[in-house]
C-alpha atoms as a PDB file:
ATOM      1  CA  GLN A   1    -204.895-165.657 140.798  1.00  0.00           C
ATOM      2  CA  GLU A   2    -201.694-167.476 141.822  1.00  0.00           C
ATOM      3  CA  ASP A   3    -201.749-165.655 145.191  1.00  0.00           C
ATOM      4  CA  THR A   4    -205.244-166.519 145.981  1.00  0.00           C
ATOM      5  CA  GLU A   5    -204.557-170.207 145.187  1.00  0.00           C
ATOM      6  CA  ALA A   6    -201.625-170.233 147.540  1.00  0.00           C
ATOM      7  CA  ALA A   7    -203.631-168.572 150.210  1.00  0.00           C
ATOM      8  CA  ARG A   8    -206.505-170.984 149.854  1.00  0.00           C
ATOM      9  CA  LYS A   9    -204.138-173.978 150.046  1.00  0.00           C
ATOM     10  CA  PHE A  10    -202.506-172.475 153.150  1.00  0.00           C
ATOM     11  CA  TYR A  11    -205.855-171.929 154.926  1.00  0.00           C
ATOM     12  CA  GLU A  12    -207.214-175.348 153.887  1.00  0.00           C
ATOM     13  CA  GLU A  13    -204.151-176.939 155.482  1.00  0.00           C
ATOM     14  CA  ALA A  14    -204.482-174.848 158.636  1.00  0.00           C
ATOM     15  CA  LEU A  15    -208.078-175.679 158.915  1.00  0.00           C
ATOM     16  CA  ALA A  16    -207.403-179.435 158.445  1.00  0.00           C
ATOM     17  CA  LEU A  17    -204.821-179.282 161.139  1.00  0.00           C
ATOM     18  CA  ALA A  18    -207.184-177.357 163.511  1.00  0.00           C
ATOM     19  CA  ARG A  19    -209.751-180.016 162.952  1.00  0.00           C
ATOM     20  CA  GLN A  20    -207.279-182.881 163.508  1.00  0.00           C
ATOM     21  CA  GLU A  21    -206.042-181.426 166.738  1.00  0.00           C
ATOM     22  CA  SER A  22    -209.482-180.417 167.971  1.00  0.00           C
ATOM     23  CA  LEU A  23    -208.579-176.773 168.050  1.00  0.00           C
ATOM     24  CA  LYS A  24    -212.164-175.550 167.610  1.00  0.00           C
ATOM     25  CA  ALA A  25    -211.450-171.990 168.665  1.00  0.00           C
ATOM     26  CA  PHE A  26    -209.193-171.633 165.540  1.00  0.00           C
ATOM     27  CA  ILE A  27    -211.708-172.900 163.025  1.00  0.00           C
ATOM     28  CA  PRO A  28    -213.813-169.755 162.612  1.00  0.00           C
ATOM     29  CA  GLY A  29    -210.824-167.696 161.809  1.00  0.00           C
ATOM     30  CA  PHE A  30    -209.640-170.161 159.173  1.00  0.00           C
ATOM     31  CA  THR A  31    -213.089-170.660 157.647  1.00  0.00           C
ATOM     32  CA  HIS A  32    -213.511-166.857 157.578  1.00  0.00           C
ATOM     33  CA  ASN A  33    -210.180-166.418 155.706  1.00  0.00           C
ATOM     34  CA  LEU A  34    -211.153-169.248 153.295  1.00  0.00           C
ATOM     35  CA  ALA A  35    -214.523-167.467 152.642  1.00  0.00           C
ATOM     36  CA  MET A  36    -212.720-164.326 151.872  1.00  0.00           C
ATOM     37  CA  VAL A  37    -210.299-166.055 149.408  1.00  0.00           C
ATOM     38  CA  ALA A  38    -213.286-167.854 147.810  1.00  0.00           C
ATOM     39  CA  CYS A  39    -215.056-164.425 147.361  1.00  0.00           C
ATOM     40  CA  PHE A  40    -211.955-163.077 145.600  1.00  0.00           C
ATOM     41  CA  GLN A  41    -212.001-166.122 143.321  1.00  0.00           C
ATOM     42  CA  GLU A  42    -215.772-165.686 142.715  1.00  0.00           C
ATOM     43  CA  ASP A  43    -216.364-169.173 144.186  1.00  0.00           C
ATOM     44  CA  TYR A  44    -219.471-167.964 146.050  1.00  0.00           C
ATOM     45  CA  LYS A  45    -220.760-171.405 146.800  1.00  0.00           C
ATOM     46  CA  ALA A  46    -217.592-172.187 148.732  1.00  0.00           C
ATOM     47  CA  ALA A  47    -217.554-168.827 150.428  1.00  0.00           C
ATOM     48  CA  LEU A  48    -221.058-169.381 151.600  1.00  0.00           C
ATOM     49  CA  SER A  49    -220.220-172.750 152.900  1.00  0.00           C
ATOM     50  CA  TYR A  50    -217.166-171.572 154.826  1.00  0.00           C
ATOM     51  CA  ALA A  51    -219.109-168.553 156.287  1.00  0.00           C
ATOM     52  CA  LEU A  52    -221.939-170.765 157.467  1.00  0.00           C
ATOM     53  CA  GLU A  53    -219.447-173.129 159.150  1.00  0.00           C
ATOM     54  CA  SER A  54    -217.710-170.102 160.728  1.00  0.00           C
ATOM     55  CA  LEU A  55    -220.989-168.713 162.118  1.00  0.00           C
ATOM     56  CA  LYS A  56    -222.093-171.979 163.452  1.00  0.00           C
ATOM     57  CA  ILE A  57    -218.970-172.514 165.453  1.00  0.00           C
ATOM     58  CA  CYS A  58    -218.933-168.905 166.571  1.00  0.00           C
ATOM     59  CA  GLU A  59    -222.460-169.271 167.973  1.00  0.00           C
ATOM     60  CA  GLU A  60    -221.343-172.552 169.780  1.00  0.00           C
ATOM     61  CA  LEU A  61    -218.310-170.867 171.302  1.00  0.00           C
ATOM     62  CA  GLY A  62    -220.033-167.400 171.968  1.00  0.00           C
ATOM     63  CA  ASP A  63    -217.315-165.741 169.745  1.00  0.00           C
ATOM     64  CA  LYS A  64    -218.716-162.427 168.901  1.00  0.00           C
ATOM     65  CA  ILE A  65    -215.670-161.003 167.092  1.00  0.00           C
ATOM     66  CA  ASN A  66    -215.697-163.781 164.481  1.00  0.00           C
ATOM     67  CA  THR A  67    -219.452-163.781 164.353  1.00  0.00           C
ATOM     68  CA  GLY A  68    -219.140-160.194 163.010  1.00  0.00           C
ATOM     69  CA  ASP A  69    -216.495-161.475 160.487  1.00  0.00           C
ATOM     70  CA  ALA A  70    -218.901-164.117 159.245  1.00  0.00           C
ATOM     71  CA  LEU A  71    -221.721-161.642 158.819  1.00  0.00           C
ATOM     72  CA  GLY A  72    -219.372-159.421 156.851  1.00  0.00           C
ATOM     73  CA  ILE A  73    -218.823-162.356 154.469  1.00  0.00           C
ATOM     74  CA  PHE A  74    -222.587-162.690 154.070  1.00  0.00           C
ATOM     75  CA  ALA A  75    -222.601-158.956 153.246  1.00  0.00           C
ATOM     76  CA  ALA A  76    -220.009-159.453 150.560  1.00  0.00           C
ATOM     77  CA  LEU A  77    -221.957-162.354 149.091  1.00  0.00           C
ATOM     78  CA  ALA A  78    -225.132-160.208 149.050  1.00  0.00           C
ATOM     79  CA  THR A  79    -223.142-157.395 147.226  1.00  0.00           C
ATOM     80  CA  ALA A  80    -221.880-159.970 144.657  1.00  0.00           C
ATOM     81  CA  ALA A  81    -225.458-161.202 144.172  1.00  0.00           C
ATOM     82  CA  GLY A  82    -226.646-157.576 143.431  1.00  0.00           C
ATOM     83  CA  GLU A  83    -228.589-157.148 146.734  1.00  0.00           C
ATOM     84  CA  PRO A  84    -227.052-153.938 148.139  1.00  0.00           C
ATOM     85  CA  ALA A  85    -229.947-153.345 150.628  1.00  0.00           C
ATOM     86  CA  LYS A  86    -229.397-156.784 152.138  1.00  0.00           C
ATOM     87  CA  ALA A  87    -225.640-156.190 152.056  1.00  0.00           C
ATOM     88  CA  SER A  88    -226.172-153.032 154.063  1.00  0.00           C
ATOM     89  CA  ARG A  89    -228.241-154.767 156.714  1.00  0.00           C
ATOM     90  CA  LEU A  90    -225.755-157.523 157.048  1.00  0.00           C
ATOM     91  CA  PHE A  91    -222.895-155.095 157.329  1.00  0.00           C
ATOM     92  CA  GLY A  92    -224.739-153.184 159.968  1.00  0.00           C
ATOM     93  CA  ALA A  93    -225.353-156.374 161.902  1.00  0.00           C
ATOM     94  CA  ALA A  94    -221.678-157.248 161.673  1.00  0.00           C
ATOM     95  CA  GLN A  95    -220.695-153.903 163.245  1.00  0.00           C
ATOM     96  CA  ALA A  96    -223.211-154.179 166.157  1.00  0.00           C
END
């Protein structure tokens, strides 16, 4: 638990700096990592929020790599919600 708290703090600080310096291309990576940490902490509401932000910016930037990562988070959230079929579809979309 301590490691995930440290990771979350690190990525929150990195995200804040990226926003402050208008480094939009870095935001999807940081929000993706925050979503992953939030999933590990079972903070699914935060994970969804970060994944949505990541996906939105990826679409704006045309960033296909991080778009796949965001879809992977949605698949993890579907798995956590007990929806394996939905998770499978999302994971397949993330690989496409």
